[in-house]
Amino acid sequence: MDDPFEAFYRQHIGPVTRFVARRVDDPHLAADLTADVFVAVIESAHTYRPDRGSRTAWLYGVAHHVVAAEHRRARRETTATRRVAGRRLLDPADVARIEERIDAEASARRVYRALSAIPDGTRRLLELVAVDGLPVADAAAALGMSPIAARVRLHRARHRLRELLTDDIPLGGTTHEYA
């Protein structure tokens, strides 16, 4: 047996298999992960530093990373499966209805994009007045500002929204020219 890796493999295959088997309950997965550990050892052998610990400690570190990566992958897969579980696939009629809804809501999306260009405090004021129906004085009090400042902000916000909602001004940027 002249190959140093083969000797290393034969010496450590049993302990690594036991290490993996204690962490997963599927024998096929345990075999795959054990093989993955030794593939990772080959690929990262150049990173082994004797001054940081023994080869065995390094090997167990590699094994730990391989098993941890598998657990992360399995969690992502489980999460993705849960998201789609119980959902049926869309048929062409469903897709057509959704496309119609998306088209119908285009103007609302445009308004929301325009609102995102308004500074947060002013946007909250505008929502309290325009959406929630509060009088300007009450909205100003709720946000801790004077009614006069609220009126000025509302005037500027409405003017800015009108500008943003015209076709010649793109809604991509967020310019906060007033507070």
N, C-alpha and C. Protein backbone atom coordinates (compact mmCIF):
# COMPACT_ATOMS: atom_id res chain seq x y z
N MET A 1 0.85 -1.18 0.00
CA MET A 1 0.00 0.00 0.00
C MET A 1 0.90 1.24 0.00
N ASP A 2 1.19 1.75 -1.19
CA ASP A 2 2.10 2.87 -1.34
C ASP A 2 1.38 4.21 -1.32
N ASP A 3 0.08 4.21 -1.58
CA ASP A 3 -0.68 5.47 -1.69
C ASP A 3 -1.02 6.00 -0.29
N PRO A 4 -0.49 7.19 0.05
CA PRO A 4 -0.76 7.73 1.39
C PRO A 4 -2.25 8.02 1.61
N PHE A 5 -2.96 8.46 0.56
CA PHE A 5 -4.39 8.73 0.75
C PHE A 5 -5.15 7.45 1.03
N GLU A 6 -4.78 6.37 0.32
CA GLU A 6 -5.47 5.10 0.56
C GLU A 6 -5.27 4.65 2.00
N ALA A 7 -4.06 4.81 2.51
CA ALA A 7 -3.80 4.45 3.91
C ALA A 7 -4.62 5.33 4.85
N PHE A 8 -4.67 6.62 4.56
CA PHE A 8 -5.46 7.56 5.37
C PHE A 8 -6.94 7.17 5.33
N TYR A 9 -7.41 6.86 4.12
CA TYR A 9 -8.81 6.47 3.93
C TYR A 9 -9.12 5.21 4.73
N ARG A 10 -8.30 4.18 4.57
CA ARG A 10 -8.55 2.91 5.28
C ARG A 10 -8.52 3.10 6.80
N GLN A 11 -7.66 3.96 7.26
CA GLN A 11 -7.54 4.20 8.71
C GLN A 11 -8.77 4.93 9.24
N HIS A 12 -9.39 5.81 8.44
CA HIS A 12 -10.44 6.69 8.95
C HIS A 12 -11.84 6.41 8.43
N ILE A 13 -12.00 5.49 7.49
CA ILE A 13 -13.32 5.25 6.93
C ILE A 13 -14.32 4.81 8.00
N GLY A 14 -13.93 3.94 8.88
CA GLY A 14 -14.83 3.46 9.93
C GLY A 14 -15.26 4.57 10.88
N PRO A 15 -14.31 5.31 11.45
CA PRO A 15 -14.71 6.40 12.35
C PRO A 15 -15.55 7.48 11.66
N VAL A 16 -15.24 7.81 10.41
CA VAL A 16 -16.01 8.83 9.70
C VAL A 16 -17.42 8.32 9.42
N THR A 17 -17.53 7.05 9.03
CA THR A 17 -18.86 6.47 8.80
C THR A 17 -19.68 6.51 10.08
N ARG A 18 -19.08 6.17 11.20
CA ARG A 18 -19.80 6.23 12.48
C ARG A 18 -20.19 7.67 12.82
N PHE A 19 -19.28 8.61 12.58
CA PHE A 19 -19.56 10.02 12.83
C PHE A 19 -20.78 10.46 12.03
N VAL A 20 -20.82 10.14 10.75
CA VAL A 20 -21.93 10.54 9.89
C VAL A 20 -23.21 9.81 10.31
N ALA A 21 -23.10 8.51 10.58
CA ALA A 21 -24.28 7.71 10.92
C ALA A 21 -24.95 8.19 12.21
N ARG A 22 -24.19 8.79 13.10
CA ARG A 22 -24.80 9.35 14.32
C ARG A 22 -25.60 10.61 14.02
N ARG A 23 -25.40 11.18 12.86
CA ARG A 23 -26.02 12.47 12.54
C ARG A 23 -27.11 12.40 11.47
N VAL A 24 -27.21 11.29 10.77
CA VAL A 24 -28.29 11.10 9.79
C VAL A 24 -28.88 9.71 9.98
N ASP A 25 -30.15 9.57 9.61
CA ASP A 25 -30.80 8.28 9.86
C ASP A 25 -31.07 7.46 8.60
N ASP A 26 -30.65 7.94 7.46
CA ASP A 26 -30.83 7.21 6.21
C ASP A 26 -29.49 6.56 5.83
N PRO A 27 -29.44 5.22 5.70
CA PRO A 27 -28.16 4.57 5.39
C PRO A 27 -27.57 4.99 4.04
N HIS A 28 -28.42 5.25 3.06
CA HIS A 28 -27.91 5.68 1.76
C HIS A 28 -27.31 7.08 1.86
N LEU A 29 -27.99 7.95 2.60
CA LEU A 29 -27.45 9.30 2.81
C LEU A 29 -26.15 9.25 3.59
N ALA A 30 -26.08 8.37 4.59
CA ALA A 30 -24.85 8.23 5.38
C ALA A 30 -23.70 7.79 4.48
N ALA A 31 -23.95 6.85 3.58
CA ALA A 31 -22.90 6.39 2.66
C ALA A 31 -22.49 7.52 1.73
N ASP A 32 -23.47 8.23 1.19
CA ASP A 32 -23.15 9.35 0.29
C ASP A 32 -22.35 10.43 1.01
N LEU A 33 -22.76 10.78 2.23
CA LEU A 33 -22.05 11.83 2.96
C LEU A 33 -20.65 11.40 3.34
N THR A 34 -20.48 10.12 3.69
CA THR A 34 -19.14 9.62 4.00
C THR A 34 -18.24 9.76 2.78
N ALA A 35 -18.77 9.40 1.62
CA ALA A 35 -17.99 9.57 0.38
C ALA A 35 -17.70 11.05 0.14
N ASP A 36 -18.71 11.90 0.37
CA ASP A 36 -18.52 13.34 0.19
C ASP A 36 -17.42 13.88 1.10
N VAL A 37 -17.32 13.33 2.32
CA VAL A 37 -16.27 13.78 3.25
C VAL A 37 -14.90 13.52 2.63
N PHE A 38 -14.70 12.33 2.08
CA PHE A 38 -13.39 12.01 1.54
C PHE A 38 -13.12 12.75 0.23
N VAL A 39 -14.15 13.04 -0.54
CA VAL A 39 -13.97 13.89 -1.72
C VAL A 39 -13.55 15.28 -1.28
N ALA A 40 -14.21 15.80 -0.23
CA ALA A 40 -13.86 17.12 0.28
C ALA A 40 -12.43 17.12 0.83
N VAL A 41 -12.01 16.00 1.44
CA VAL A 41 -10.64 15.89 1.95
C VAL A 41 -9.65 16.00 0.79
N ILE A 42 -9.93 15.30 -0.30
CA ILE A 42 -9.03 15.36 -1.46
C ILE A 42 -8.97 16.78 -2.01
N GLU A 43 -10.17 17.41 -2.14
CA GLU A 43 -10.23 18.76 -2.72
C GLU A 43 -9.60 19.82 -1.83
N SER A 44 -9.63 19.60 -0.52
CA SER A 44 -9.12 20.65 0.37
C SER A 44 -7.88 20.23 1.14
N ALA A 45 -7.21 19.18 0.70
CA ALA A 45 -6.00 18.71 1.39
C ALA A 45 -4.95 19.80 1.51
N HIS A 46 -4.90 20.67 0.52
CA HIS A 46 -3.90 21.74 0.55
C HIS A 46 -4.16 22.75 1.68
N THR A 47 -5.35 22.72 2.28
CA THR A 47 -5.66 23.67 3.36
C THR A 47 -5.28 23.14 4.74
N TYR A 48 -4.89 21.85 4.82
CA TYR A 48 -4.52 21.28 6.12
C TYR A 48 -3.26 21.95 6.65
N ARG A 49 -3.34 22.39 7.92
CA ARG A 49 -2.21 23.05 8.57
C ARG A 49 -1.86 22.26 9.84
N PRO A 50 -0.73 21.56 9.86
CA PRO A 50 -0.36 20.75 11.02
C PRO A 50 -0.25 21.56 12.31
N ASP A 51 0.07 22.86 12.19
CA ASP A 51 0.22 23.69 13.39
C ASP A 51 -1.13 23.99 14.04
N ARG A 52 -2.23 23.69 13.36
CA ARG A 52 -3.56 23.96 13.92
C ARG A 52 -4.21 22.71 14.51
N GLY A 53 -3.58 21.57 14.39
CA GLY A 53 -4.15 20.35 14.95
C GLY A 53 -3.81 19.14 14.11
N SER A 54 -4.23 18.01 14.61
CA SER A 54 -3.91 16.75 13.94
C SER A 54 -4.73 16.57 12.67
N ARG A 55 -4.29 15.62 11.83
CA ARG A 55 -5.03 15.31 10.61
C ARG A 55 -6.42 14.78 10.96
N THR A 56 -6.51 14.04 12.05
CA THR A 56 -7.80 13.48 12.45
C THR A 56 -8.76 14.59 12.85
N ALA A 57 -8.27 15.56 13.59
CA ALA A 57 -9.13 16.69 13.98
C ALA A 57 -9.59 17.45 12.74
N TRP A 58 -8.67 17.66 11.80
CA TRP A 58 -9.02 18.34 10.56
C TRP A 58 -10.07 17.54 9.79
N LEU A 59 -9.88 16.22 9.73
CA LEU A 59 -10.83 15.34 9.04
C LEU A 59 -12.22 15.46 9.65
N TYR A 60 -12.30 15.47 10.98
CA TYR A 60 -13.61 15.60 11.63
C TYR A 60 -14.22 16.98 11.38
N GLY A 61 -13.37 17.99 11.25
CA GLY A 61 -13.88 19.32 10.88
C GLY A 61 -14.49 19.29 9.49
N VAL A 62 -13.81 18.64 8.56
CA VAL A 62 -14.36 18.50 7.20
C VAL A 62 -15.67 17.74 7.25
N ALA A 63 -15.70 16.64 8.00
CA ALA A 63 -16.92 15.83 8.11
C ALA A 63 -18.07 16.65 8.71
N HIS A 64 -17.74 17.43 9.71
CA HIS A 64 -18.78 18.28 10.32
C HIS A 64 -19.35 19.25 9.28
N HIS A 65 -18.50 19.87 8.48
CA HIS A 65 -18.97 20.82 7.46
C HIS A 65 -19.82 20.13 6.40
N VAL A 66 -19.44 18.93 6.00
CA VAL A 66 -20.20 18.20 4.99
C VAL A 66 -21.59 17.86 5.53
N VAL A 67 -21.65 17.36 6.77
CA VAL A 67 -22.95 17.01 7.36
C VAL A 67 -23.80 18.27 7.58
N ALA A 68 -23.18 19.34 8.05
CA ALA A 68 -23.92 20.59 8.28
C ALA A 68 -24.48 21.13 6.96
N ALA A 69 -23.69 21.04 5.89
CA ALA A 69 -24.17 21.51 4.59
C ALA A 69 -25.37 20.68 4.14
N GLU A 70 -25.34 19.38 4.40
CA GLU A 70 -26.47 18.52 4.04
C GLU A 70 -27.71 18.89 4.85
N HIS A 71 -27.53 19.16 6.14
CA HIS A 71 -28.69 19.56 6.96
C HIS A 71 -29.28 20.88 6.46
N ARG A 72 -28.43 21.83 6.08
CA ARG A 72 -28.94 23.09 5.52
C ARG A 72 -29.69 22.85 4.22
N ARG A 73 -29.13 22.01 3.35
CA ARG A 73 -29.79 21.68 2.08
C ARG A 73 -31.14 21.02 2.34
N ALA A 74 -31.19 20.10 3.28
CA ALA A 74 -32.44 19.41 3.59
C ALA A 74 -33.47 20.37 4.15
N ARG A 75 -33.04 21.33 4.99
CA ARG A 75 -33.98 22.32 5.53
C ARG A 75 -34.55 23.19 4.42
N ARG A 76 -33.69 23.62 3.49
CA ARG A 76 -34.17 24.43 2.36
C ARG A 76 -35.17 23.63 1.53
N GLU A 77 -34.87 22.37 1.30
CA GLU A 77 -35.77 21.52 0.51
C GLU A 77 -37.10 21.34 1.23
N THR A 78 -37.05 21.11 2.54
CA THR A 78 -38.27 20.94 3.31
C THR A 78 -39.10 22.23 3.29
N THR A 79 -38.44 23.35 3.43
CA THR A 79 -39.15 24.64 3.38
C THR A 79 -39.81 24.83 2.03
N ALA A 80 -39.08 24.54 0.97
CA ALA A 80 -39.64 24.68 -0.38
C ALA A 80 -40.81 23.73 -0.59
N THR A 81 -40.68 22.51 -0.09
CA THR A 81 -41.76 21.53 -0.23
C THR A 81 -42.99 21.99 0.53
N ARG A 82 -42.80 22.53 1.72
CA ARG A 82 -43.95 23.03 2.50
C ARG A 82 -44.66 24.16 1.78
N ARG A 83 -43.89 24.99 1.12
CA ARG A 83 -44.49 26.13 0.41
C ARG A 83 -45.43 25.68 -0.69
N VAL A 84 -45.06 24.61 -1.37
CA VAL A 84 -45.89 24.18 -2.49
C VAL A 84 -46.85 23.05 -2.12
N ALA A 85 -46.70 22.48 -0.94
CA ALA A 85 -47.57 21.37 -0.54
C ALA A 85 -49.03 21.83 -0.50
N GLY A 86 -49.89 21.05 -1.04
CA GLY A 86 -51.30 21.36 -1.01
C GLY A 86 -51.74 22.36 -2.06
N ARG A 87 -50.82 22.86 -2.82
CA ARG A 87 -51.18 23.81 -3.88
C ARG A 87 -51.29 23.06 -5.19
N ARG A 88 -52.30 23.38 -5.90
CA ARG A 88 -52.47 22.73 -7.19
C ARG A 88 -51.77 23.56 -8.26
N LEU A 89 -51.44 22.91 -9.33
CA LEU A 89 -50.82 23.62 -10.43
C LEU A 89 -51.87 24.46 -11.13
N LEU A 90 -51.43 25.55 -11.72
CA LEU A 90 -52.35 26.44 -12.42
C LEU A 90 -52.68 25.91 -13.80
N ASP A 91 -53.96 25.94 -14.12
CA ASP A 91 -54.33 25.58 -15.49
C ASP A 91 -54.39 26.86 -16.32
N PRO A 92 -54.52 26.77 -17.62
CA PRO A 92 -54.49 27.97 -18.47
C PRO A 92 -55.55 29.01 -18.09
N ALA A 93 -56.72 28.57 -17.65
CA ALA A 93 -57.76 29.53 -17.25
C ALA A 93 -57.33 30.31 -16.01
N ASP A 94 -56.67 29.60 -15.07
CA ASP A 94 -56.17 30.28 -13.87
C ASP A 94 -55.13 31.33 -14.24
N VAL A 95 -54.23 30.96 -15.12
CA VAL A 95 -53.19 31.89 -15.55
C VAL A 95 -53.81 33.11 -16.22
N ALA A 96 -54.81 32.89 -17.05
CA ALA A 96 -55.48 34.01 -17.74
C ALA A 96 -56.14 34.94 -16.74
N ARG A 97 -56.81 34.38 -15.71
CA ARG A 97 -57.45 35.22 -14.68
C ARG A 97 -56.40 36.02 -13.91
N ILE A 98 -55.28 35.40 -13.59
CA ILE A 98 -54.23 36.10 -12.85
C ILE A 98 -53.64 37.21 -13.71
N GLU A 99 -53.42 36.94 -14.99
CA GLU A 99 -52.90 37.97 -15.88
C GLU A 99 -53.87 39.14 -15.97
N GLU A 100 -55.17 38.86 -16.03
CA GLU A 100 -56.18 39.93 -16.05
C GLU A 100 -56.11 40.75 -14.78
N ARG A 101 -55.96 40.09 -13.64
CA ARG A 101 -55.88 40.79 -12.35
C ARG A 101 -54.63 41.66 -12.30
N ILE A 102 -53.51 41.12 -12.78
CA ILE A 102 -52.26 41.89 -12.79
C ILE A 102 -52.43 43.13 -13.66
N ASP A 103 -53.04 42.96 -14.84
CA ASP A 103 -53.27 44.11 -15.72
C ASP A 103 -54.19 45.12 -15.06
N ALA A 104 -55.24 44.64 -14.37
CA ALA A 104 -56.20 45.54 -13.74
C ALA A 104 -55.56 46.34 -12.60
N GLU A 105 -54.55 45.78 -11.97
CA GLU A 105 -53.92 46.44 -10.83
C GLU A 105 -52.70 47.27 -11.23
N ALA A 106 -52.44 47.42 -12.50
CA ALA A 106 -51.26 48.16 -12.96
C ALA A 106 -51.24 49.58 -12.43
N SER A 107 -52.37 50.26 -12.44
CA SER A 107 -52.38 51.65 -11.97
C SER A 107 -52.11 51.71 -10.46
N ALA A 108 -52.63 50.74 -9.72
CA ALA A 108 -52.36 50.72 -8.27
C ALA A 108 -50.87 50.50 -8.01
N ARG A 109 -50.24 49.61 -8.78
CA ARG A 109 -48.79 49.40 -8.61
C ARG A 109 -48.03 50.67 -8.93
N ARG A 110 -48.48 51.40 -9.93
CA ARG A 110 -47.82 52.66 -10.30
C ARG A 110 -47.93 53.67 -9.16
N VAL A 111 -49.08 53.74 -8.52
CA VAL A 111 -49.27 54.65 -7.38
C VAL A 111 -48.36 54.23 -6.23
N TYR A 112 -48.29 52.92 -5.95
CA TYR A 112 -47.42 52.45 -4.87
C TYR A 112 -45.95 52.76 -5.17
N ARG A 113 -45.53 52.60 -6.40
CA ARG A 113 -44.15 52.96 -6.75
C ARG A 113 -43.92 54.45 -6.56
N ALA A 114 -44.91 55.26 -6.94
CA ALA A 114 -44.79 56.71 -6.75
C ALA A 114 -44.71 57.04 -5.27
N LEU A 115 -45.53 56.38 -4.47
CA LEU A 115 -45.51 56.63 -3.03
C LEU A 115 -44.16 56.26 -2.41
N SER A 116 -43.48 55.27 -2.98
CA SER A 116 -42.18 54.88 -2.41
C SER A 116 -41.13 55.97 -2.61
N ALA A 117 -41.39 56.93 -3.52
CA ALA A 117 -40.46 58.04 -3.74
C ALA A 117 -40.69 59.17 -2.75
N ILE A 118 -41.73 59.07 -1.95
CA ILE A 118 -42.05 60.09 -0.95
C ILE A 118 -41.38 59.67 0.36
N PRO A 119 -40.74 60.59 1.07
CA PRO A 119 -40.09 60.23 2.35
C PRO A 119 -41.08 59.58 3.32
N ASP A 120 -40.57 58.68 4.15
CA ASP A 120 -41.41 57.89 5.05
C ASP A 120 -42.38 58.72 5.88
N GLY A 121 -41.89 59.74 6.55
CA GLY A 121 -42.75 60.54 7.43
C GLY A 121 -43.87 61.21 6.66
N THR A 122 -43.55 61.75 5.50
CA THR A 122 -44.55 62.41 4.67
C THR A 122 -45.52 61.39 4.10
N ARG A 123 -45.00 60.23 3.72
CA ARG A 123 -45.87 59.17 3.19
C ARG A 123 -46.86 58.71 4.27
N ARG A 124 -46.39 58.57 5.51
CA ARG A 124 -47.31 58.19 6.60
C ARG A 124 -48.39 59.24 6.80
N LEU A 125 -48.00 60.51 6.72
CA LEU A 125 -48.97 61.61 6.84
C LEU A 125 -49.99 61.53 5.71
N LEU A 126 -49.52 61.36 4.51
CA LEU A 126 -50.40 61.26 3.34
C LEU A 126 -51.36 60.08 3.49
N GLU A 127 -50.87 58.94 3.96
CA GLU A 127 -51.73 57.78 4.14
C GLU A 127 -52.78 58.02 5.22
N LEU A 128 -52.38 58.66 6.34
CA LEU A 128 -53.35 58.94 7.40
C LEU A 128 -54.48 59.83 6.90
N VAL A 129 -54.15 60.79 6.05
CA VAL A 129 -55.16 61.72 5.56
C VAL A 129 -55.93 61.11 4.40
N ALA A 130 -55.22 60.60 3.39
CA ALA A 130 -55.89 60.15 2.16
C ALA A 130 -56.50 58.76 2.29
N VAL A 131 -55.87 57.86 3.00
CA VAL A 131 -56.37 56.49 3.09
C VAL A 131 -57.23 56.28 4.33
N ASP A 132 -56.72 56.75 5.48
CA ASP A 132 -57.43 56.52 6.73
C ASP A 132 -58.48 57.58 7.02
N GLY A 133 -58.46 58.67 6.28
CA GLY A 133 -59.50 59.69 6.41
C GLY A 133 -59.39 60.59 7.63
N LEU A 134 -58.22 60.69 8.24
CA LEU A 134 -58.06 61.58 9.39
C LEU A 134 -57.98 63.03 8.92
N PRO A 135 -58.51 63.93 9.73
CA PRO A 135 -58.29 65.35 9.42
C PRO A 135 -56.79 65.66 9.55
N VAL A 136 -56.34 66.66 8.83
CA VAL A 136 -54.92 67.00 8.81
C VAL A 136 -54.40 67.25 10.23
N ALA A 137 -55.17 67.97 11.05
CA ALA A 137 -54.72 68.28 12.42
C ALA A 137 -54.52 67.00 13.23
N ASP A 138 -55.44 66.04 13.09
CA ASP A 138 -55.31 64.77 13.83
C ASP A 138 -54.12 63.95 13.33
N ALA A 139 -53.95 63.93 12.01
CA ALA A 139 -52.81 63.19 11.44
C ALA A 139 -51.50 63.83 11.90
N ALA A 140 -51.46 65.15 11.92
CA ALA A 140 -50.26 65.85 12.38
C ALA A 140 -49.96 65.51 13.83
N ALA A 141 -50.99 65.52 14.67
CA ALA A 141 -50.80 65.19 16.09
C ALA A 141 -50.31 63.75 16.25
N ALA A 142 -50.86 62.84 15.45
CA ALA A 142 -50.45 61.44 15.55
C ALA A 142 -48.98 61.26 15.19
N LEU A 143 -48.48 62.11 14.32
CA LEU A 143 -47.09 62.01 13.88
C LEU A 143 -46.17 62.99 14.60
N GLY A 144 -46.71 63.76 15.52
CA GLY A 144 -45.89 64.68 16.31
C GLY A 144 -45.39 65.88 15.55
N MET A 145 -46.25 66.45 14.70
CA MET A 145 -45.84 67.65 13.96
C MET A 145 -46.97 68.67 14.05
N SER A 146 -46.64 69.90 13.72
CA SER A 146 -47.66 70.95 13.78
C SER A 146 -48.59 70.81 12.57
N PRO A 147 -49.85 71.25 12.71
CA PRO A 147 -50.78 71.20 11.57
C PRO A 147 -50.28 71.99 10.37
N ILE A 148 -49.59 73.10 10.61
CA ILE A 148 -49.07 73.91 9.50
C ILE A 148 -48.01 73.12 8.73
N ALA A 149 -47.08 72.48 9.47
CA ALA A 149 -46.05 71.67 8.81
C ALA A 149 -46.70 70.52 8.04
N ALA A 150 -47.74 69.94 8.61
CA ALA A 150 -48.43 68.84 7.93
C ALA A 150 -49.06 69.31 6.63
N ARG A 151 -49.69 70.48 6.66
CA ARG A 151 -50.31 71.00 5.44
C ARG A 151 -49.26 71.26 4.34
N VAL A 152 -48.12 71.81 4.75
CA VAL A 152 -47.04 72.07 3.79
C VAL A 152 -46.54 70.76 3.20
N ARG A 153 -46.31 69.77 4.06
CA ARG A 153 -45.84 68.47 3.58
C ARG A 153 -46.86 67.83 2.64
N LEU A 154 -48.13 67.91 3.01
CA LEU A 154 -49.16 67.32 2.16
C LEU A 154 -49.20 67.99 0.79
N HIS A 155 -49.11 69.32 0.79
CA HIS A 155 -49.12 70.05 -0.47
C HIS A 155 -47.96 69.59 -1.36
N ARG A 156 -46.76 69.53 -0.77
CA ARG A 156 -45.57 69.11 -1.53
C ARG A 156 -45.70 67.65 -1.98
N ALA A 157 -46.21 66.79 -1.10
CA ALA A 157 -46.35 65.37 -1.44
C ALA A 157 -47.34 65.18 -2.58
N ARG A 158 -48.46 65.89 -2.54
CA ARG A 158 -49.46 65.77 -3.61
C ARG A 158 -48.88 66.27 -4.94
N HIS A 159 -48.15 67.37 -4.87
CA HIS A 159 -47.51 67.91 -6.07
C HIS A 159 -46.50 66.90 -6.63
N ARG A 160 -45.69 66.32 -5.77
CA ARG A 160 -44.68 65.34 -6.19
C ARG A 160 -45.35 64.10 -6.78
N LEU A 161 -46.44 63.64 -6.17
CA LEU A 161 -47.15 62.48 -6.70
C LEU A 161 -47.70 62.77 -8.10
N ARG A 162 -48.26 63.96 -8.28
CA ARG A 162 -48.77 64.31 -9.62
C ARG A 162 -47.64 64.26 -10.64
N GLU A 163 -46.47 64.79 -10.26
CA GLU A 163 -45.32 64.74 -11.17
C GLU A 163 -44.93 63.30 -11.48
N LEU A 164 -44.86 62.47 -10.44
CA LEU A 164 -44.42 61.08 -10.61
C LEU A 164 -45.41 60.26 -11.43
N LEU A 165 -46.66 60.61 -11.36
CA LEU A 165 -47.67 59.83 -12.05
C LEU A 165 -47.89 60.25 -13.50
N THR A 166 -47.18 61.30 -13.95
CA THR A 166 -47.25 61.65 -15.37
C THR A 166 -46.34 60.69 -16.12
N ASP A 167 -46.61 60.48 -17.36
CA ASP A 167 -45.87 59.48 -18.14
C ASP A 167 -44.42 59.85 -18.40
N ASP A 168 -44.06 61.13 -18.36
CA ASP A 168 -42.69 61.46 -18.70
C ASP A 168 -41.71 61.32 -17.55
N ILE A 169 -42.17 61.10 -16.34
CA ILE A 169 -41.24 60.98 -15.21
C ILE A 169 -41.20 59.52 -14.77
N PRO A 170 -40.02 58.87 -14.87
CA PRO A 170 -39.91 57.46 -14.46
C PRO A 170 -40.06 57.33 -12.95
N LEU A 171 -40.57 56.16 -12.54
CA LEU A 171 -40.79 55.94 -11.10
C LEU A 171 -39.66 55.13 -10.47
N GLY A 172 -38.50 55.11 -11.06
CA GLY A 172 -37.43 54.30 -10.51
C GLY A 172 -36.72 54.93 -9.35
N GLY A 173 -36.44 56.21 -9.39
CA GLY A 173 -35.63 56.86 -8.36
C GLY A 173 -36.43 57.24 -7.14
N THR A 174 -35.72 57.43 -6.05
CA THR A 174 -36.36 57.87 -4.82
C THR A 174 -35.67 59.16 -4.39
N THR A 175 -36.18 60.27 -4.86
CA THR A 175 -35.59 61.55 -4.49
C THR A 175 -36.34 62.08 -3.29
N HIS A 176 -35.60 62.35 -2.26
CA HIS A 176 -36.19 62.87 -1.02
C HIS A 176 -35.76 64.34 -0.89
N GLU A 177 -36.42 65.20 -1.62
CA GLU A 177 -35.98 66.58 -1.63
C GLU A 177 -36.58 67.38 -0.49
N TYR A 178 -37.47 66.80 0.27
CA TYR A 178 -38.09 67.50 1.40
C TYR A 178 -38.29 66.49 2.50
N ALA A 179 -38.41 66.99 3.72
CA ALA A 179 -38.50 66.06 4.86
C ALA A 179 -39.90 65.88 5.34
